[in-house]
Amino acid sequence: MTRPRSSLISLADTPWYHVVNRCVRRAFLCGHDAASGSNFDHRRGWIETRIRELASVFAIDVAAYAVMSNHYHAVLRVDTARAQALSDDEVLRRWTQLFTGPLLVQRYLSGLPAEPLGQSERDKVAEFAALYRQRLADVSWFMRVLNETIARQANAEEGCKGRFWEGRFKSQALLDEQALLAAMAYVDLNPIRAGMAQSLEDSAHTSIAARLAELQGRAFEPVQAPVVAPEVVDEIDASPARTLPGLLSEVEISALPEAPLMPFDPTSGFAQAVPFGLEEYLDLVDTMGRAVHPSKRGAIPASTPPLLGRLGMDAEAFIASADHFFKNFASAVGTPAKLIELAAHRQQRCLRGLAAARRVLQTKAA
């Protein structure tokens, strides 16, 4: 049964989410399109850059991502505490980095002494700030801005109209450390499983490649979409109407700085960090990547990677699940106990993925 998105993304259950969005008809609109003979691989760089730019505005951190030829994945953490700690002025400043905002907000931010705001106007500005603060911690708004900016630039590049993405994004709630680890490894290994790369370093437009490059002292290199004249974009967007009125131009949005990826913290003492050690995570993903390589499919390492051992996860089942992560689970991923708890909270009899959770994420007795 279809459930409202408000129940699928519930920050009361978890701040961690795995999201995915596909191109319309799953066409290779971000890669080599066999139907048209065109190569749009450069758009993968647009998406990767835009994900990191939006992370500098929203109170949403990026733990992992992989941009493929016809879809992309991201593992996100919503930081509601950070959003609540922002002052009204900072909230308004951030939001107007993406949208023009009402004239009243523009007047307030300009601070012109010639036009002082009355109390009722200041109260209205505070209402806008409260609304925008909520949106800055909203995965749906993050994805809406990401998808629309990419779609309108791609349509402008081809001089066409119509949908670029097949629909709204799909999401999975990640309920515990085991689910987070499984989702991140699944996302980072997407290019290798698809035969697009032979090593983690060569997995272009993924978080794992970006982390390895950073360890080697190479800074992230943004890829900007070409500048398109506003009148061209307006003509292309004229029908159907743009879904996000007031969204700034690509020139203005592309000026945003790129936020760094979430750090790792094996002590789990820092909430704004991935609760694993970076070295042990890299070791795990490298082991997984070798195990799912076509020439080594099904090969299980002689020793269980330390990170799997610490979380009590079965290495063979973990590797076997690598090709079916999104199919095995539905709207949430977690240990059996967490899935049962969430089903009770949602007043459901069960959640799809319980059997897979027992195979892959079941914590073993010491």
Protein backbone atom coordinates (compact mmCIF):
# COMPACT_ATOMS: atom_id res chain seq x y z
CA MET A 1 0.00 0.00 0.00
CA THR A 2 1.28 3.46 -0.93
CA ARG A 3 2.12 5.56 2.10
CA PRO A 4 2.39 9.38 2.38
CA ARG A 5 5.95 10.69 2.17
CA SER A 6 5.53 12.28 5.59
CA SER A 7 5.55 8.79 7.08
CA LEU A 8 8.45 7.60 4.90
CA ILE A 9 10.69 10.50 5.94
CA SER A 10 10.12 10.82 9.66
CA LEU A 11 12.94 12.50 11.54
CA ALA A 12 11.48 11.15 14.77
CA ASP A 13 12.55 7.69 13.57
CA THR A 14 15.96 8.49 12.06
CA PRO A 15 17.92 11.40 10.54
CA TRP A 16 19.59 9.08 7.96
CA TYR A 17 18.12 8.41 4.49
CA HIS A 18 19.14 6.66 1.29
CA VAL A 19 17.59 8.41 -1.72
CA VAL A 20 17.58 7.60 -5.43
CA ASN A 21 16.21 9.33 -8.52
CA ARG A 22 16.10 8.00 -12.09
CA CYS A 23 15.97 9.71 -15.47
CA VAL A 24 12.70 9.52 -17.37
CA ARG A 25 12.18 6.07 -18.92
CA ARG A 26 15.55 5.21 -17.35
CA ALA A 27 17.20 6.71 -20.43
CA PHE A 28 20.93 7.36 -20.24
CA LEU A 29 20.52 11.13 -20.07
CA CYS A 30 23.65 11.39 -17.89
CA GLY A 31 25.79 9.01 -19.92
CA HIS A 32 26.09 7.59 -23.43
CA ASP A 33 22.58 7.48 -24.86
CA ALA A 34 22.49 4.68 -27.43
CA ALA A 35 19.14 5.88 -28.80
CA SER A 36 20.43 9.31 -29.81
CA GLY A 37 24.13 8.54 -30.03
CA SER A 38 24.88 11.50 -27.77
CA ASN A 39 27.13 11.41 -24.75
CA PHE A 40 25.94 13.29 -21.68
CA ASP A 41 28.52 11.99 -19.24
CA HIS A 42 29.43 15.56 -18.26
CA ARG A 43 26.06 15.87 -16.51
CA ARG A 44 27.23 13.41 -13.86
CA GLY A 45 29.66 16.11 -12.79
CA TRP A 46 26.83 18.66 -12.69
CA ILE A 47 24.85 16.47 -10.29
CA GLU A 48 27.82 15.68 -8.07
CA THR A 49 28.72 19.37 -7.80
CA ARG A 50 25.14 20.45 -7.16
CA ILE A 51 24.72 17.88 -4.35
CA ARG A 52 27.72 19.36 -2.56
CA GLU A 53 26.66 22.95 -3.24
CA LEU A 54 23.21 22.39 -1.77
CA ALA A 55 24.76 20.77 1.30
CA SER A 56 26.37 24.15 2.03
CA VAL A 57 22.91 25.74 2.19
CA PHE A 58 20.66 23.07 3.70
CA ALA A 59 21.08 21.58 7.16
CA ILE A 60 21.63 18.26 5.41
CA ASP A 61 24.97 16.45 5.32
CA VAL A 62 26.13 14.08 2.58
CA ALA A 63 27.67 10.79 3.69
CA ALA A 64 27.82 9.05 0.31
CA TYR A 65 26.70 9.47 -3.29
CA ALA A 66 27.10 7.86 -6.69
CA VAL A 67 26.04 9.49 -9.94
CA MET A 68 25.36 6.93 -12.66
CA SER A 69 24.34 7.21 -16.31
CA ASN A 70 20.59 7.10 -15.72
CA HIS A 71 20.17 7.62 -11.97
CA TYR A 72 21.92 8.75 -8.84
CA HIS A 73 22.07 7.67 -5.19
CA ALA A 74 22.81 9.66 -2.04
CA VAL A 75 23.00 8.88 1.66
CA LEU A 76 21.94 11.97 3.62
CA ARG A 77 21.74 12.98 7.27
CA VAL A 78 19.26 15.69 8.31
CA ASP A 79 20.62 17.91 11.10
CA THR A 80 17.54 19.47 12.66
CA ALA A 81 19.55 20.75 15.64
CA ARG A 82 21.75 22.78 13.30
CA ALA A 83 18.72 24.20 11.52
CA GLN A 84 17.12 25.23 14.83
CA ALA A 85 20.36 26.89 15.95
CA LEU A 86 20.45 29.19 12.91
CA SER A 87 19.37 32.78 13.51
CA ASP A 88 16.49 34.19 11.48
CA ASP A 89 18.94 36.34 9.52
CA GLU A 90 21.10 33.31 8.65
CA VAL A 91 18.06 31.28 7.61
CA LEU A 92 16.88 34.08 5.31
CA ARG A 93 20.37 34.56 3.91
CA ARG A 94 20.69 30.86 3.11
CA TRP A 95 17.27 30.59 1.51
CA THR A 96 17.83 33.61 -0.71
CA GLN A 97 20.98 31.94 -2.04
CA LEU A 98 18.53 29.65 -3.88
CA PHE A 99 15.32 31.69 -4.24
CA THR A 100 14.57 35.35 -4.79
CA GLY A 101 12.28 35.43 -1.75
CA PRO A 102 9.34 37.80 -1.14
CA LEU A 103 9.92 41.53 -1.55
CA LEU A 104 9.48 41.95 2.19
CA VAL A 105 12.37 39.55 2.86
CA GLN A 106 14.49 41.32 0.26
CA ARG A 107 13.82 44.67 1.96
CA TYR A 108 14.69 43.23 5.35
CA LEU A 109 17.98 41.74 4.15
CA SER A 110 18.95 44.93 2.34
CA GLY A 111 18.84 46.79 5.65
CA LEU A 112 18.15 50.11 3.96
CA PRO A 113 17.52 52.72 6.68
CA ALA A 114 15.33 54.71 4.30
CA GLU A 115 12.68 51.98 4.46
CA PRO A 116 12.43 50.77 8.07
CA LEU A 117 10.06 47.85 8.61
CA GLY A 118 7.09 48.16 10.92
CA GLN A 119 6.38 45.63 13.64
CA SER A 120 3.78 43.76 11.59
CA GLU A 121 6.26 43.49 8.74
CA ARG A 122 8.95 42.18 11.09
CA ASP A 123 6.50 39.60 12.39
CA LYS A 124 5.85 38.48 8.84
CA VAL A 125 9.58 38.21 8.19
CA ALA A 126 9.85 36.01 11.28
CA GLU A 127 7.10 33.78 9.84
CA PHE A 128 9.04 33.44 6.62
CA ALA A 129 12.19 32.56 8.59
CA ALA A 130 10.32 29.84 10.50
CA LEU A 131 9.03 28.37 7.23
CA TYR A 132 12.45 28.45 5.56
CA ARG A 133 14.12 26.96 8.64
CA GLN A 134 11.81 23.98 8.32
CA ARG A 135 12.59 23.64 4.61
CA LEU A 136 16.34 23.77 5.20
CA ALA A 137 15.98 20.52 7.16
CA ASP A 138 13.67 18.88 4.63
CA VAL A 139 14.97 16.13 2.31
CA SER A 140 12.11 16.77 -0.13
CA TRP A 141 13.12 20.41 -0.62
CA PHE A 142 16.78 19.41 -1.01
CA MET A 143 15.81 16.94 -3.74
CA ARG A 144 13.38 19.33 -5.43
CA VAL A 145 16.03 22.01 -5.85
CA LEU A 146 18.64 19.47 -6.95
CA ASN A 147 16.39 17.84 -9.54
CA GLU A 148 14.91 21.01 -10.99
CA THR A 149 18.21 22.82 -11.45
CA ILE A 150 19.70 19.81 -13.25
CA ALA A 151 16.57 19.28 -15.36
CA ARG A 152 16.29 22.86 -16.56
CA GLN A 153 20.00 22.99 -17.49
CA ALA A 154 19.80 19.68 -19.35
CA ASN A 155 16.69 20.80 -21.21
CA ALA A 156 18.34 24.10 -22.06
CA GLU A 157 21.41 22.26 -23.35
CA GLU A 158 19.27 20.19 -25.71
CA GLY A 159 16.75 22.95 -26.46
CA CYS A 160 13.80 20.81 -25.45
CA LYS A 161 10.95 20.70 -22.95
CA GLY A 162 9.43 18.01 -20.78
CA ARG A 163 10.42 15.79 -17.89
CA PHE A 164 14.03 14.88 -17.19
CA TRP A 165 13.38 12.76 -14.08
CA GLU A 166 10.80 9.97 -14.07
CA GLY A 167 9.12 11.27 -10.91
CA ARG A 168 9.71 12.04 -7.27
CA PHE A 169 12.68 10.42 -5.61
CA LYS A 170 12.51 7.15 -3.70
CA SER A 171 13.81 6.99 -0.17
CA GLN A 172 14.76 4.44 2.47
CA ALA A 173 15.03 5.27 6.16
CA LEU A 174 18.29 3.95 7.65
CA LEU A 175 17.40 2.96 11.19
CA ASP A 176 20.75 1.94 12.70
CA GLU A 177 24.50 1.67 12.09
CA GLN A 178 24.18 -1.63 10.25
CA ALA A 179 21.68 -0.13 7.79
CA LEU A 180 23.86 2.97 7.31
CA LEU A 181 26.93 0.85 6.58
CA ALA A 182 25.04 -1.34 4.11
CA ALA A 183 23.59 1.68 2.28
CA MET A 184 26.90 3.54 2.05
CA ALA A 185 28.77 0.50 0.75
CA TYR A 186 25.98 -0.21 -1.74
CA VAL A 187 26.08 3.37 -3.03
CA ASP A 188 29.86 3.65 -3.25
CA LEU A 189 30.13 0.35 -5.16
CA ASN A 190 27.49 1.19 -7.79
CA PRO A 191 29.97 1.95 -10.64
CA ILE A 192 31.98 -1.21 -9.97
CA ARG A 193 28.88 -3.41 -9.93
CA ALA A 194 27.68 -1.76 -13.16
CA GLY A 195 31.02 -2.43 -14.88
CA MET A 196 31.73 1.29 -15.23
CA ALA A 197 34.92 1.16 -13.14
CA GLN A 198 37.53 -1.40 -12.13
CA SER A 199 38.71 0.24 -8.92
CA LEU A 200 37.48 2.59 -6.23
CA GLU A 201 39.84 5.32 -7.41
CA ASP A 202 38.38 5.13 -10.92
CA SER A 203 34.77 5.27 -9.73
CA ALA A 204 34.14 8.75 -11.08
CA HIS A 205 31.47 10.94 -9.48
CA THR A 206 31.22 8.90 -6.29
CA SER A 207 31.91 9.85 -2.70
CA ILE A 208 34.43 7.02 -2.29
CA ALA A 209 36.54 8.36 -5.19
CA ALA A 210 36.30 11.88 -3.76
CA ARG A 211 37.44 10.68 -0.33
CA LEU A 212 40.39 8.79 -1.80
CA ALA A 213 41.38 11.83 -3.86
CA GLU A 214 41.25 13.99 -0.72
CA LEU A 215 43.52 11.54 1.10
CA GLN A 216 45.99 11.97 -1.75
CA GLY A 217 45.88 15.75 -1.38
CA ARG A 218 43.67 16.49 -4.39
CA ALA A 219 40.84 18.94 -3.81
CA PHE A 220 37.35 18.41 -5.17
CA GLU A 221 37.00 19.87 -8.66
CA PRO A 222 33.48 21.22 -9.34
CA VAL A 223 31.87 20.75 -12.75
CA GLN A 224 29.58 23.63 -13.64
CA ALA A 225 26.78 23.49 -16.16
CA PRO A 226 27.18 25.87 -19.12
CA VAL A 227 25.64 29.29 -18.71
CA VAL A 228 22.39 29.59 -20.62
CA ALA A 229 20.77 32.94 -21.34
CA PRO A 230 17.79 33.55 -19.01
CA GLU A 231 15.45 34.17 -21.94
CA VAL A 232 16.30 30.73 -23.36
CA VAL A 233 15.58 29.03 -20.05
CA ASP A 234 12.32 30.96 -19.68
CA GLU A 235 11.22 29.94 -23.18
CA ILE A 236 11.98 26.28 -22.50
CA ASP A 237 10.34 26.39 -19.08
CA ALA A 238 7.24 28.18 -20.34
CA SER A 239 5.21 24.97 -20.61
CA PRO A 240 4.63 23.33 -18.27
CA ALA A 241 5.07 25.99 -15.59
CA ARG A 242 8.20 25.75 -13.46
CA THR A 243 7.51 23.87 -10.29
CA LEU A 244 9.69 26.07 -8.09
CA PRO A 245 8.82 29.75 -8.67
CA GLY A 246 11.54 32.17 -7.72
CA LEU A 247 14.40 29.69 -8.14
CA LEU A 248 17.54 31.65 -8.98
CA SER A 249 19.45 31.29 -12.24
CA GLU A 250 22.23 28.76 -12.73
CA VAL A 251 24.80 31.55 -12.70
CA GLU A 252 23.72 32.60 -9.21
CA ILE A 253 23.34 29.09 -7.78
CA SER A 254 26.66 27.88 -9.22
CA ALA A 255 28.42 30.54 -7.14
CA LEU A 256 27.65 28.52 -4.00
CA PRO A 257 30.63 26.89 -2.26
CA GLU A 258 30.85 23.09 -2.20
CA ALA A 259 30.40 21.57 1.25
CA PRO A 260 32.78 18.80 2.33
CA LEU A 261 31.55 15.25 2.78
CA MET A 262 30.68 14.09 6.29
CA PRO A 263 33.74 13.13 8.34
CA PHE A 264 34.17 9.72 9.97
CA ASP A 265 34.32 9.21 13.73
CA PRO A 266 34.90 5.65 15.01
CA THR A 267 34.07 6.72 18.58
CA SER A 268 30.50 7.66 17.53
CA GLY A 269 30.88 10.66 19.83
CA PHE A 270 30.28 13.29 17.15
CA ALA A 271 26.69 13.31 15.88
CA GLN A 272 27.61 15.13 12.66
CA ALA A 273 29.95 12.33 11.56
CA VAL A 274 29.63 8.86 10.08
CA PRO A 275 30.00 6.53 13.11
CA PHE A 276 32.81 4.41 11.63
CA GLY A 277 36.54 4.74 11.09
CA LEU A 278 37.49 5.92 7.60
CA GLU A 279 40.28 3.36 7.20
CA GLU A 280 38.11 0.42 8.21
CA TYR A 281 35.31 1.65 5.93
CA LEU A 282 37.69 1.92 2.97
CA ASP A 283 38.97 -1.58 3.74
CA LEU A 284 35.42 -2.93 3.82
CA VAL A 285 34.39 -1.28 0.53
CA ASP A 286 37.59 -2.46 -1.16
CA THR A 287 36.92 -6.02 0.03
CA MET A 288 33.32 -5.79 -1.15
CA GLY A 289 34.40 -4.39 -4.51
CA ARG A 290 36.78 -7.28 -5.12
CA ALA A 291 34.19 -9.84 -4.06
CA VAL A 292 31.52 -8.56 -6.48
CA HIS A 293 33.93 -8.17 -9.41
CA PRO A 294 32.71 -10.35 -12.33
CA SER A 295 35.85 -12.50 -12.25
CA LYS A 296 35.51 -13.04 -8.50
CA ARG A 297 31.77 -13.09 -7.97
CA GLY A 298 30.82 -15.08 -4.89
CA ALA A 299 34.36 -15.22 -3.51
CA ILE A 300 34.31 -14.64 0.24
CA PRO A 301 37.39 -13.17 1.97
CA ALA A 302 39.25 -15.53 4.27
CA SER A 303 38.73 -13.16 7.18
CA THR A 304 35.74 -11.00 7.99
CA PRO A 305 36.47 -7.25 7.60
CA PRO A 306 36.81 -5.72 11.11
CA LEU A 307 33.89 -3.34 10.62
CA LEU A 308 31.47 -6.17 9.84
CA GLY A 309 32.78 -8.12 12.81
CA ARG A 310 32.29 -5.21 15.19
CA LEU A 311 28.68 -4.76 14.07
CA GLY A 312 28.02 -8.49 14.19
CA MET A 313 27.11 -8.75 10.49
CA ASP A 314 27.54 -11.84 8.31
CA ALA A 315 30.17 -11.20 5.61
CA GLU A 316 28.85 -13.75 3.09
CA ALA A 317 25.28 -12.49 3.30
CA PHE A 318 26.48 -8.87 3.21
CA ILE A 319 28.38 -9.44 -0.04
CA ALA A 320 25.57 -11.51 -1.57
CA SER A 321 23.14 -8.65 -0.94
CA ALA A 322 25.25 -6.08 -2.77
CA ASP A 323 23.33 -6.37 -6.07
CA HIS A 324 19.86 -6.33 -4.53
CA PHE A 325 19.96 -3.77 -1.73
CA PHE A 326 17.13 -1.58 -2.99
CA LYS A 327 15.01 -4.58 -4.00
CA ASN A 328 15.44 -6.47 -0.74
CA PHE A 329 14.28 -3.57 1.40
CA ALA A 330 11.39 -1.16 0.96
CA SER A 331 11.00 2.20 2.68
CA ALA A 332 13.29 1.38 5.61
CA VAL A 333 16.48 -0.54 6.31
CA GLY A 334 17.59 -1.80 9.71
CA THR A 335 18.09 -4.78 11.96
CA PRO A 336 15.03 -7.01 12.45
CA ALA A 337 14.34 -5.43 15.84
CA LYS A 338 14.39 -1.92 14.36
CA LEU A 339 12.09 -2.89 11.48
CA ILE A 340 9.60 -4.49 13.84
CA GLU A 341 9.69 -1.39 16.05
CA LEU A 342 9.07 0.88 13.04
CA ALA A 343 6.21 -1.32 11.78
CA ALA A 344 4.54 -1.01 15.18
CA HIS A 345 5.05 2.77 15.12
CA ARG A 346 3.44 2.97 11.67
CA GLN A 347 0.69 0.55 12.71
CA GLN A 348 1.68 -1.93 10.02
CA ARG A 349 1.69 -5.68 10.42
CA CYS A 350 5.14 -5.97 8.85
CA LEU A 351 7.69 -4.20 6.65
CA ARG A 352 9.19 -5.67 3.50
CA GLY A 353 12.82 -6.55 4.04
CA LEU A 354 12.54 -8.38 7.35
CA ALA A 355 13.87 -11.61 5.85
CA ALA A 356 16.77 -9.77 4.22
CA ALA A 357 17.51 -8.01 7.50
CA ARG A 358 17.72 -11.37 9.27
CA ARG A 359 20.22 -12.59 6.67
CA VAL A 360 22.38 -9.49 6.39
CA LEU A 361 21.92 -7.18 9.36
CA GLN A 362 21.09 -9.57 12.18
CA THR A 363 23.42 -8.84 15.07
CA LYS A 364 25.10 -12.06 16.15
CA ALA A 365 25.43 -13.08 19.76
CA ALA A 366 28.90 -12.62 21.16
